[in-house]
Amino acid sequence: MDRGQLLAELADAGTAAGGVVFVERRADDYQWRHLPPDEVPSLVTDGQSRDAWIVYSGPWPTESVPGFLEDLLAEMESMCGGADRCRWPLGQPYPPGH
């Protein structure tokens, strides 16, 4: 499915109680599915690896769902060379001291 279809399906689906959402991208093809909390997805299927993937198990929003989903996909894409999503200013030491 394309990105638009993925966003529409995820917006309609939400998450089941205790469920985990697994999203993957191979080129321009996206797939997603609910996983049981104890299942670990294989990162290689049919001999092909995914270009990008993310697993989400947090609370599903009831408001601002489109923005949440765009942020989720942006986080996934950042792991394979997408936009830098570092939220920590590089000039500040870690951990923060008060």
N, C-alpha and C. Protein backbone atom coordinates (compact mmCIF):
# COMPACT_ATOMS: atom_id res chain seq x y z
N MET A 1 0.85 -1.17 0.00
CA MET A 1 0.00 0.00 0.00
C MET A 1 0.89 1.23 0.00
N ASP A 2 0.38 2.35 -0.48
CA ASP A 2 1.18 3.57 -0.47
C ASP A 2 1.02 4.29 0.87
N ARG A 3 1.77 5.37 1.04
CA ARG A 3 1.79 6.09 2.32
C ARG A 3 0.40 6.61 2.69
N GLY A 4 -0.35 7.14 1.73
CA GLY A 4 -1.69 7.64 2.01
C GLY A 4 -2.62 6.56 2.51
N GLN A 5 -2.56 5.39 1.88
CA GLN A 5 -3.38 4.26 2.32
C GLN A 5 -2.97 3.82 3.73
N LEU A 6 -1.67 3.78 3.98
CA LEU A 6 -1.19 3.40 5.30
C LEU A 6 -1.73 4.35 6.37
N LEU A 7 -1.60 5.65 6.14
CA LEU A 7 -2.09 6.62 7.12
C LEU A 7 -3.58 6.49 7.36
N ALA A 8 -4.35 6.26 6.29
CA ALA A 8 -5.80 6.10 6.44
C ALA A 8 -6.14 4.85 7.25
N GLU A 9 -5.48 3.74 6.96
CA GLU A 9 -5.75 2.50 7.70
C GLU A 9 -5.36 2.63 9.16
N LEU A 10 -4.20 3.21 9.43
CA LEU A 10 -3.77 3.35 10.81
C LEU A 10 -4.68 4.29 11.59
N ALA A 11 -5.14 5.35 10.95
CA ALA A 11 -6.05 6.29 11.62
C ALA A 11 -7.35 5.59 12.01
N ASP A 12 -7.82 4.69 11.16
CA ASP A 12 -9.06 3.97 11.44
C ASP A 12 -8.87 2.83 12.43
N ALA A 13 -7.68 2.27 12.49
CA ALA A 13 -7.45 1.05 13.25
C ALA A 13 -7.24 1.28 14.74
N GLY A 14 -6.45 2.29 15.10
CA GLY A 14 -6.11 2.44 16.51
C GLY A 14 -5.36 1.21 16.98
N THR A 15 -5.22 1.04 18.25
CA THR A 15 -4.55 -0.16 18.76
C THR A 15 -5.47 -0.90 19.71
N ALA A 16 -5.37 -2.19 19.68
CA ALA A 16 -6.11 -3.02 20.63
C ALA A 16 -5.42 -2.90 21.99
N ALA A 17 -6.18 -3.10 23.03
CA ALA A 17 -5.61 -3.03 24.38
C ALA A 17 -4.43 -3.98 24.49
N GLY A 18 -3.29 -3.47 24.88
CA GLY A 18 -2.10 -4.30 25.03
C GLY A 18 -1.44 -4.65 23.73
N GLY A 19 -1.94 -4.14 22.62
CA GLY A 19 -1.38 -4.49 21.33
C GLY A 19 -0.18 -3.65 20.95
N VAL A 20 0.51 -4.09 19.93
CA VAL A 20 1.68 -3.44 19.41
C VAL A 20 1.45 -3.25 17.92
N VAL A 21 1.82 -2.08 17.40
CA VAL A 21 1.69 -1.81 15.98
C VAL A 21 3.08 -1.89 15.35
N PHE A 22 3.19 -2.68 14.29
CA PHE A 22 4.44 -2.83 13.55
C PHE A 22 4.21 -2.25 12.16
N VAL A 23 5.05 -1.28 11.76
CA VAL A 23 4.96 -0.63 10.46
C VAL A 23 6.28 -0.86 9.74
N GLU A 24 6.20 -1.19 8.46
CA GLU A 24 7.41 -1.40 7.67
C GLU A 24 7.28 -0.72 6.32
N ARG A 25 8.44 -0.40 5.74
CA ARG A 25 8.48 0.17 4.39
C ARG A 25 9.56 -0.56 3.60
N ARG A 26 9.19 -0.93 2.38
CA ARG A 26 10.12 -1.47 1.39
C ARG A 26 9.92 -0.63 0.13
N ALA A 27 10.91 0.20 -0.18
CA ALA A 27 10.79 1.17 -1.28
C ALA A 27 9.58 2.06 -0.98
N ASP A 28 8.59 2.09 -1.86
CA ASP A 28 7.40 2.92 -1.64
C ASP A 28 6.20 2.10 -1.15
N ASP A 29 6.44 0.86 -0.76
CA ASP A 29 5.37 -0.03 -0.31
C ASP A 29 5.40 -0.14 1.21
N TYR A 30 4.26 0.18 1.83
CA TYR A 30 4.14 0.12 3.28
C TYR A 30 3.21 -1.03 3.67
N GLN A 31 3.48 -1.59 4.82
CA GLN A 31 2.61 -2.61 5.42
C GLN A 31 2.57 -2.34 6.92
N TRP A 32 1.52 -2.78 7.56
CA TRP A 32 1.43 -2.68 9.01
C TRP A 32 0.60 -3.84 9.53
N ARG A 33 0.75 -4.10 10.82
CA ARG A 33 -0.08 -5.12 11.45
C ARG A 33 0.00 -4.97 12.97
N HIS A 34 -1.03 -5.51 13.62
CA HIS A 34 -1.02 -5.61 15.08
C HIS A 34 -0.23 -6.84 15.46
N LEU A 35 0.54 -6.74 16.51
CA LEU A 35 1.29 -7.88 17.03
C LEU A 35 0.87 -8.13 18.47
N PRO A 36 0.88 -9.38 18.89
CA PRO A 36 0.69 -9.63 20.32
C PRO A 36 1.88 -9.03 21.08
N PRO A 37 1.67 -8.64 22.33
CA PRO A 37 2.75 -7.98 23.08
C PRO A 37 4.04 -8.78 23.17
N ASP A 38 3.98 -10.10 23.08
CA ASP A 38 5.19 -10.92 23.23
C ASP A 38 5.82 -11.35 21.91
N GLU A 39 5.27 -10.91 20.77
CA GLU A 39 5.84 -11.30 19.47
C GLU A 39 6.90 -10.31 19.02
N VAL A 40 8.01 -10.85 18.53
CA VAL A 40 9.07 -10.03 17.97
C VAL A 40 9.07 -10.26 16.46
N PRO A 41 8.86 -9.21 15.66
CA PRO A 41 8.80 -9.41 14.21
C PRO A 41 10.17 -9.75 13.65
N SER A 42 10.20 -10.60 12.64
CA SER A 42 11.43 -10.89 11.93
C SER A 42 11.74 -9.69 11.04
N LEU A 43 13.01 -9.32 10.98
CA LEU A 43 13.38 -8.17 10.16
C LEU A 43 13.73 -8.57 8.74
N VAL A 44 13.72 -9.86 8.45
CA VAL A 44 13.94 -10.34 7.09
C VAL A 44 12.85 -11.36 6.78
N THR A 45 12.11 -11.12 5.71
CA THR A 45 11.10 -12.08 5.27
C THR A 45 11.28 -12.31 3.78
N ASP A 46 11.07 -13.50 3.34
CA ASP A 46 11.22 -13.86 1.93
C ASP A 46 12.60 -13.47 1.40
N GLY A 47 13.61 -13.49 2.28
CA GLY A 47 14.96 -13.16 1.85
C GLY A 47 15.20 -11.68 1.64
N GLN A 48 14.20 -10.84 1.91
CA GLN A 48 14.35 -9.39 1.71
C GLN A 48 14.25 -8.67 3.04
N SER A 49 15.11 -7.72 3.24
CA SER A 49 15.03 -6.92 4.46
C SER A 49 14.18 -5.68 4.20
N ARG A 50 13.70 -5.13 5.27
CA ARG A 50 12.89 -3.92 5.18
C ARG A 50 13.82 -2.71 5.06
N ASP A 51 13.37 -1.68 4.35
CA ASP A 51 14.14 -0.44 4.27
C ASP A 51 14.04 0.33 5.59
N ALA A 52 12.85 0.33 6.17
CA ALA A 52 12.61 1.03 7.42
C ALA A 52 11.49 0.32 8.16
N TRP A 53 11.55 0.37 9.48
CA TRP A 53 10.49 -0.25 10.27
C TRP A 53 10.44 0.42 11.63
N ILE A 54 9.28 0.32 12.27
CA ILE A 54 9.12 0.84 13.62
C ILE A 54 8.06 0.01 14.34
N VAL A 55 8.26 -0.16 15.61
CA VAL A 55 7.31 -0.86 16.47
C VAL A 55 6.82 0.16 17.49
N TYR A 56 5.50 0.26 17.64
CA TYR A 56 4.93 1.22 18.59
C TYR A 56 3.99 0.50 19.54
N SER A 57 4.20 0.73 20.84
CA SER A 57 3.35 0.07 21.83
C SER A 57 2.79 1.05 22.85
N GLY A 58 2.92 2.32 22.59
CA GLY A 58 2.43 3.31 23.53
C GLY A 58 0.94 3.55 23.40
N PRO A 59 0.44 4.51 24.15
CA PRO A 59 -1.00 4.82 24.07
C PRO A 59 -1.34 5.41 22.70
N TRP A 60 -2.47 5.01 22.17
CA TRP A 60 -2.92 5.51 20.87
C TRP A 60 -3.69 6.80 21.11
N PRO A 61 -3.41 7.85 20.37
CA PRO A 61 -4.08 9.13 20.64
C PRO A 61 -5.55 9.10 20.24
N THR A 62 -6.32 9.92 20.90
CA THR A 62 -7.73 10.07 20.54
C THR A 62 -7.96 11.38 19.80
N GLU A 63 -6.98 12.29 19.88
CA GLU A 63 -7.02 13.56 19.17
C GLU A 63 -5.73 13.73 18.40
N SER A 64 -5.75 14.55 17.38
CA SER A 64 -4.56 14.85 16.57
C SER A 64 -3.91 13.60 16.01
N VAL A 65 -4.72 12.63 15.60
CA VAL A 65 -4.20 11.37 15.08
C VAL A 65 -3.36 11.57 13.82
N PRO A 66 -3.77 12.39 12.84
CA PRO A 66 -2.93 12.57 11.65
C PRO A 66 -1.52 13.07 11.98
N GLY A 67 -1.41 14.04 12.88
CA GLY A 67 -0.10 14.55 13.27
C GLY A 67 0.73 13.50 13.97
N PHE A 68 0.09 12.72 14.84
CA PHE A 68 0.77 11.63 15.54
C PHE A 68 1.33 10.62 14.54
N LEU A 69 0.52 10.24 13.54
CA LEU A 69 0.97 9.25 12.56
C LEU A 69 2.10 9.80 11.69
N GLU A 70 2.01 11.05 11.29
CA GLU A 70 3.10 11.66 10.51
C GLU A 70 4.39 11.66 11.32
N ASP A 71 4.29 11.97 12.61
CA ASP A 71 5.46 11.97 13.47
C ASP A 71 6.03 10.56 13.62
N LEU A 72 5.15 9.58 13.76
CA LEU A 72 5.60 8.19 13.87
C LEU A 72 6.37 7.76 12.63
N LEU A 73 5.84 8.08 11.44
CA LEU A 73 6.52 7.72 10.21
C LEU A 73 7.82 8.51 10.03
N ALA A 74 7.83 9.77 10.44
CA ALA A 74 9.06 10.55 10.35
C ALA A 74 10.14 9.95 11.24
N GLU A 75 9.74 9.47 12.41
CA GLU A 75 10.70 8.80 13.31
C GLU A 75 11.24 7.54 12.64
N MET A 76 10.37 6.77 12.00
CA MET A 76 10.80 5.57 11.29
C MET A 76 11.79 5.94 10.18
N GLU A 77 11.46 6.94 9.39
CA GLU A 77 12.32 7.33 8.27
C GLU A 77 13.65 7.89 8.72
N SER A 78 13.71 8.50 9.90
CA SER A 78 14.96 9.07 10.38
C SER A 78 16.01 7.99 10.64
N MET A 79 15.56 6.78 10.81
CA MET A 79 16.48 5.69 11.11
C MET A 79 17.19 5.15 9.87
N CYS A 80 16.79 5.63 8.71
CA CYS A 80 17.47 5.18 7.48
C CYS A 80 17.86 6.38 6.62
N GLY A 81 18.25 7.46 7.26
CA GLY A 81 18.77 8.61 6.53
C GLY A 81 17.78 9.72 6.28
N GLY A 82 16.61 9.66 6.90
CA GLY A 82 15.65 10.74 6.75
C GLY A 82 16.09 11.95 7.57
N ALA A 83 15.19 12.84 7.81
CA ALA A 83 15.50 14.06 8.57
C ALA A 83 16.03 13.71 9.96
N ASP A 84 16.95 14.52 10.44
CA ASP A 84 17.52 14.33 11.77
C ASP A 84 16.45 14.67 12.81
N ARG A 85 16.13 13.73 13.68
CA ARG A 85 15.09 13.96 14.68
C ARG A 85 15.67 14.03 16.08
N CYS A 86 16.96 14.34 16.17
CA CYS A 86 17.60 14.48 17.47
C CYS A 86 16.94 15.63 18.22
N ARG A 87 16.47 15.37 19.39
CA ARG A 87 15.79 16.40 20.16
C ARG A 87 16.69 17.01 21.23
N TRP A 88 17.93 16.56 21.28
CA TRP A 88 18.85 17.05 22.29
C TRP A 88 19.82 18.02 21.64
N PRO A 89 19.89 19.27 22.10
CA PRO A 89 20.83 20.22 21.50
C PRO A 89 22.26 19.69 21.61
N LEU A 90 22.97 19.67 20.49
CA LEU A 90 24.31 19.10 20.46
C LEU A 90 25.28 19.82 21.38
N GLY A 91 25.06 21.09 21.64
CA GLY A 91 25.97 21.86 22.48
C GLY A 91 25.76 21.66 23.97
N GLN A 92 24.74 20.94 24.36
CA GLN A 92 24.46 20.73 25.78
C GLN A 92 24.97 19.36 26.21
N PRO A 93 25.62 19.31 27.38
CA PRO A 93 26.10 18.00 27.88
C PRO A 93 24.94 17.11 28.29
N TYR A 94 25.19 15.82 28.23
CA TYR A 94 24.19 14.84 28.67
C TYR A 94 24.81 14.01 29.77
N PRO A 95 24.15 13.70 30.81
CA PRO A 95 22.77 14.10 31.15
C PRO A 95 22.72 15.53 31.65
N PRO A 96 21.54 16.10 31.60
CA PRO A 96 21.43 17.49 32.03
C PRO A 96 21.66 17.63 33.53
N GLY A 97 22.27 18.68 33.91
CA GLY A 97 22.47 18.95 35.34
C GLY A 97 21.64 20.17 35.73
N HIS A 98 21.13 20.15 36.94
CA HIS A 98 20.30 21.28 37.39
C HIS A 98 20.91 21.91 38.60
